[in-house]
Amino acid sequence: MKVRVFVSLKEGVLDPQGKAVGHALEALHFKGVKDVRISRVVDLELDTSSVEEAKKEGEAMAHALLANEVIEDFNVEVLS
């Protein structure tokens, strides 16, 4: 079963990488970009046939390792 974990910085947490990308886009003459936030996606292939179990396992992995919950939020999506 495929699971996708989206990890992003919480609102209010500074994103220096996003700022750098925003400045680079402006330098490339892309106008109107107000804010850029960089997130990451972790794709997992799990050995389970239950959607509920896959989601629970993905959430446990995010809590344990994939996300720093002090500064990041995450969302788990079961793909198949």
N, C-alpha and C. Protein backbone atom coordinates (compact mmCIF):
# COMPACT_ATOMS: atom_id res chain seq x y z
N MET A 1 0.86 -1.17 0.00
CA MET A 1 0.00 0.00 0.00
C MET A 1 0.90 1.23 0.00
N LYS A 2 0.58 2.21 -0.84
CA LYS A 2 1.37 3.43 -0.93
C LYS A 2 0.78 4.51 -0.02
N VAL A 3 1.69 5.16 0.70
CA VAL A 3 1.32 6.22 1.61
C VAL A 3 2.19 7.43 1.30
N ARG A 4 1.58 8.60 1.29
CA ARG A 4 2.30 9.84 1.03
C ARG A 4 2.15 10.72 2.27
N VAL A 5 3.30 11.19 2.78
CA VAL A 5 3.31 12.08 3.93
C VAL A 5 3.79 13.46 3.47
N PHE A 6 2.95 14.47 3.65
CA PHE A 6 3.29 15.85 3.32
C PHE A 6 3.76 16.53 4.61
N VAL A 7 4.94 17.13 4.58
CA VAL A 7 5.48 17.81 5.75
C VAL A 7 5.75 19.26 5.37
N SER A 8 5.24 20.19 6.17
CA SER A 8 5.44 21.61 5.88
C SER A 8 5.64 22.38 7.18
N LEU A 9 6.29 23.52 7.07
CA LEU A 9 6.49 24.36 8.24
C LEU A 9 5.16 24.93 8.71
N LYS A 10 5.03 25.06 10.01
CA LYS A 10 3.82 25.66 10.58
C LYS A 10 3.76 27.14 10.23
N GLU A 11 2.55 27.66 10.20
CA GLU A 11 2.36 29.10 9.98
C GLU A 11 3.16 29.86 11.03
N GLY A 12 3.81 30.91 10.63
CA GLY A 12 4.57 31.73 11.55
C GLY A 12 6.03 31.32 11.70
N VAL A 13 6.38 30.13 11.23
CA VAL A 13 7.78 29.69 11.28
C VAL A 13 8.47 30.21 10.03
N LEU A 14 9.60 30.88 10.21
CA LEU A 14 10.34 31.44 9.09
C LEU A 14 10.84 30.33 8.17
N ASP A 15 10.81 30.58 6.87
CA ASP A 15 11.24 29.62 5.87
C ASP A 15 12.34 30.26 5.01
N PRO A 16 13.60 30.18 5.46
CA PRO A 16 14.68 30.82 4.69
C PRO A 16 14.84 30.24 3.29
N GLN A 17 14.61 28.96 3.12
CA GLN A 17 14.70 28.37 1.79
C GLN A 17 13.61 28.93 0.88
N GLY A 18 12.42 29.08 1.41
CA GLY A 18 11.32 29.68 0.64
C GLY A 18 11.63 31.11 0.26
N LYS A 19 12.22 31.86 1.21
CA LYS A 19 12.60 33.26 0.91
C LYS A 19 13.61 33.31 -0.22
N ALA A 20 14.61 32.42 -0.18
CA ALA A 20 15.64 32.40 -1.22
C ALA A 20 15.02 32.08 -2.58
N VAL A 21 14.10 31.14 -2.62
CA VAL A 21 13.43 30.80 -3.89
C VAL A 21 12.60 31.98 -4.36
N GLY A 22 11.91 32.65 -3.45
CA GLY A 22 11.12 33.82 -3.81
C GLY A 22 11.97 34.92 -4.42
N HIS A 23 13.13 35.17 -3.82
CA HIS A 23 14.04 36.19 -4.37
C HIS A 23 14.57 35.77 -5.74
N ALA A 24 14.89 34.49 -5.90
CA ALA A 24 15.40 34.00 -7.18
C ALA A 24 14.33 34.13 -8.27
N LEU A 25 13.08 33.82 -7.93
CA LEU A 25 12.00 33.97 -8.91
C LEU A 25 11.84 35.44 -9.32
N GLU A 26 11.94 36.33 -8.35
CA GLU A 26 11.85 37.76 -8.65
C GLU A 26 13.00 38.19 -9.56
N ALA A 27 14.21 37.68 -9.30
CA ALA A 27 15.36 38.00 -10.13
C ALA A 27 15.19 37.47 -11.56
N LEU A 28 14.40 36.41 -11.70
CA LEU A 28 14.12 35.85 -13.03
C LEU A 28 12.90 36.52 -13.68
N HIS A 29 12.46 37.62 -13.08
CA HIS A 29 11.37 38.46 -13.61
C HIS A 29 9.99 37.80 -13.51
N PHE A 30 9.81 36.91 -12.53
CA PHE A 30 8.47 36.41 -12.23
C PHE A 30 7.89 37.36 -11.19
N LYS A 31 6.94 38.17 -11.61
CA LYS A 31 6.38 39.19 -10.74
C LYS A 31 5.10 38.68 -10.07
N GLY A 32 4.79 39.25 -8.95
CA GLY A 32 3.54 38.94 -8.27
C GLY A 32 3.62 37.76 -7.31
N VAL A 33 4.80 37.21 -7.09
CA VAL A 33 4.94 36.13 -6.11
C VAL A 33 5.03 36.77 -4.73
N LYS A 34 4.02 36.56 -3.91
CA LYS A 34 3.97 37.20 -2.60
C LYS A 34 4.75 36.41 -1.55
N ASP A 35 4.66 35.09 -1.59
CA ASP A 35 5.30 34.27 -0.57
C ASP A 35 5.59 32.90 -1.15
N VAL A 36 6.66 32.29 -0.71
CA VAL A 36 7.02 30.94 -1.13
C VAL A 36 7.30 30.14 0.13
N ARG A 37 6.68 28.97 0.25
CA ARG A 37 6.91 28.06 1.36
C ARG A 37 7.36 26.73 0.76
N ILE A 38 8.45 26.20 1.27
CA ILE A 38 8.98 24.93 0.79
C ILE A 38 8.49 23.81 1.71
N SER A 39 7.95 22.77 1.11
CA SER A 39 7.49 21.59 1.85
C SER A 39 8.20 20.37 1.29
N ARG A 40 7.99 19.24 1.94
CA ARG A 40 8.55 18.01 1.38
C ARG A 40 7.49 16.91 1.39
N VAL A 41 7.71 15.96 0.51
CA VAL A 41 6.80 14.82 0.37
C VAL A 41 7.62 13.56 0.57
N VAL A 42 7.12 12.65 1.40
CA VAL A 42 7.77 11.37 1.63
C VAL A 42 6.79 10.29 1.15
N ASP A 43 7.21 9.51 0.15
CA ASP A 43 6.40 8.41 -0.35
C ASP A 43 6.89 7.11 0.26
N LEU A 44 5.95 6.33 0.78
CA LEU A 44 6.28 5.07 1.44
C LEU A 44 5.48 3.94 0.80
N GLU A 45 6.09 2.80 0.69
CA GLU A 45 5.39 1.58 0.25
C GLU A 45 5.34 0.68 1.47
N LEU A 46 4.13 0.43 1.98
CA LEU A 46 3.96 -0.35 3.20
C LEU A 46 3.37 -1.72 2.89
N ASP A 47 3.75 -2.68 3.70
CA ASP A 47 3.27 -4.05 3.54
C ASP A 47 2.00 -4.24 4.37
N THR A 48 0.91 -3.67 3.89
CA THR A 48 -0.38 -3.81 4.54
C THR A 48 -1.47 -3.70 3.48
N SER A 49 -2.60 -4.32 3.74
CA SER A 49 -3.69 -4.24 2.77
C SER A 49 -4.84 -3.38 3.28
N SER A 50 -4.75 -2.90 4.50
CA SER A 50 -5.81 -2.10 5.10
C SER A 50 -5.48 -0.62 4.99
N VAL A 51 -6.43 0.14 4.45
CA VAL A 51 -6.25 1.59 4.31
C VAL A 51 -6.08 2.23 5.69
N GLU A 52 -6.90 1.80 6.64
CA GLU A 52 -6.84 2.37 7.99
C GLU A 52 -5.49 2.09 8.64
N GLU A 53 -4.99 0.86 8.49
CA GLU A 53 -3.70 0.49 9.06
C GLU A 53 -2.57 1.28 8.39
N ALA A 54 -2.64 1.44 7.07
CA ALA A 54 -1.61 2.19 6.35
C ALA A 54 -1.56 3.64 6.82
N LYS A 55 -2.73 4.24 6.98
CA LYS A 55 -2.78 5.63 7.45
C LYS A 55 -2.23 5.74 8.86
N LYS A 56 -2.60 4.83 9.72
CA LYS A 56 -2.13 4.83 11.10
C LYS A 56 -0.61 4.65 11.16
N GLU A 57 -0.09 3.74 10.33
CA GLU A 57 1.35 3.50 10.28
C GLU A 57 2.10 4.73 9.76
N GLY A 58 1.57 5.37 8.72
CA GLY A 58 2.17 6.60 8.19
C GLY A 58 2.20 7.71 9.23
N GLU A 59 1.11 7.85 9.97
CA GLU A 59 1.05 8.87 11.03
C GLU A 59 2.06 8.57 12.13
N ALA A 60 2.21 7.29 12.49
CA ALA A 60 3.19 6.91 13.52
C ALA A 60 4.60 7.24 13.05
N MET A 61 4.89 6.98 11.77
CA MET A 61 6.21 7.28 11.22
C MET A 61 6.46 8.79 11.22
N ALA A 62 5.44 9.56 10.88
CA ALA A 62 5.58 11.02 10.88
C ALA A 62 5.85 11.54 12.29
N HIS A 63 5.09 11.02 13.26
CA HIS A 63 5.31 11.43 14.66
C HIS A 63 6.72 11.06 15.14
N ALA A 64 7.18 9.87 14.75
CA ALA A 64 8.46 9.36 15.26
C ALA A 64 9.68 9.97 14.58
N LEU A 65 9.57 10.25 13.27
CA LEU A 65 10.78 10.62 12.55
C LEU A 65 10.61 11.66 11.44
N LEU A 66 9.55 11.56 10.68
CA LEU A 66 9.45 12.33 9.44
C LEU A 66 9.16 13.81 9.64
N ALA A 67 8.54 14.18 10.75
CA ALA A 67 8.19 15.58 10.99
C ALA A 67 8.68 16.01 12.37
N ASN A 68 9.20 17.23 12.44
CA ASN A 68 9.53 17.85 13.72
C ASN A 68 8.30 18.64 14.13
N GLU A 69 7.49 18.06 15.00
CA GLU A 69 6.19 18.65 15.31
C GLU A 69 6.26 19.96 16.08
N VAL A 70 7.43 20.36 16.52
CA VAL A 70 7.58 21.67 17.16
C VAL A 70 7.40 22.76 16.10
N ILE A 71 7.95 22.52 14.89
CA ILE A 71 7.91 23.56 13.86
C ILE A 71 7.21 23.12 12.58
N GLU A 72 6.80 21.84 12.49
CA GLU A 72 6.20 21.34 11.25
C GLU A 72 4.85 20.68 11.49
N ASP A 73 4.01 20.78 10.47
CA ASP A 73 2.75 20.04 10.40
C ASP A 73 2.92 18.94 9.37
N PHE A 74 2.07 17.92 9.46
CA PHE A 74 2.10 16.88 8.44
C PHE A 74 0.69 16.39 8.15
N ASN A 75 0.57 15.78 6.98
CA ASN A 75 -0.68 15.20 6.54
C ASN A 75 -0.36 13.87 5.86
N VAL A 76 -1.12 12.83 6.16
CA VAL A 76 -0.88 11.51 5.60
C VAL A 76 -2.02 11.15 4.66
N GLU A 77 -1.65 10.67 3.48
CA GLU A 77 -2.62 10.30 2.44
C GLU A 77 -2.31 8.89 1.97
N VAL A 78 -3.32 8.03 1.94
CA VAL A 78 -3.15 6.68 1.41
C VAL A 78 -3.49 6.71 -0.07
N LEU A 79 -2.56 6.24 -0.91
CA LEU A 79 -2.73 6.33 -2.36
C LEU A 79 -3.35 5.07 -2.96
N SER A 80 -2.97 3.91 -2.45
CA SER A 80 -3.56 2.67 -2.99
C SER A 80 -3.33 1.53 -2.03
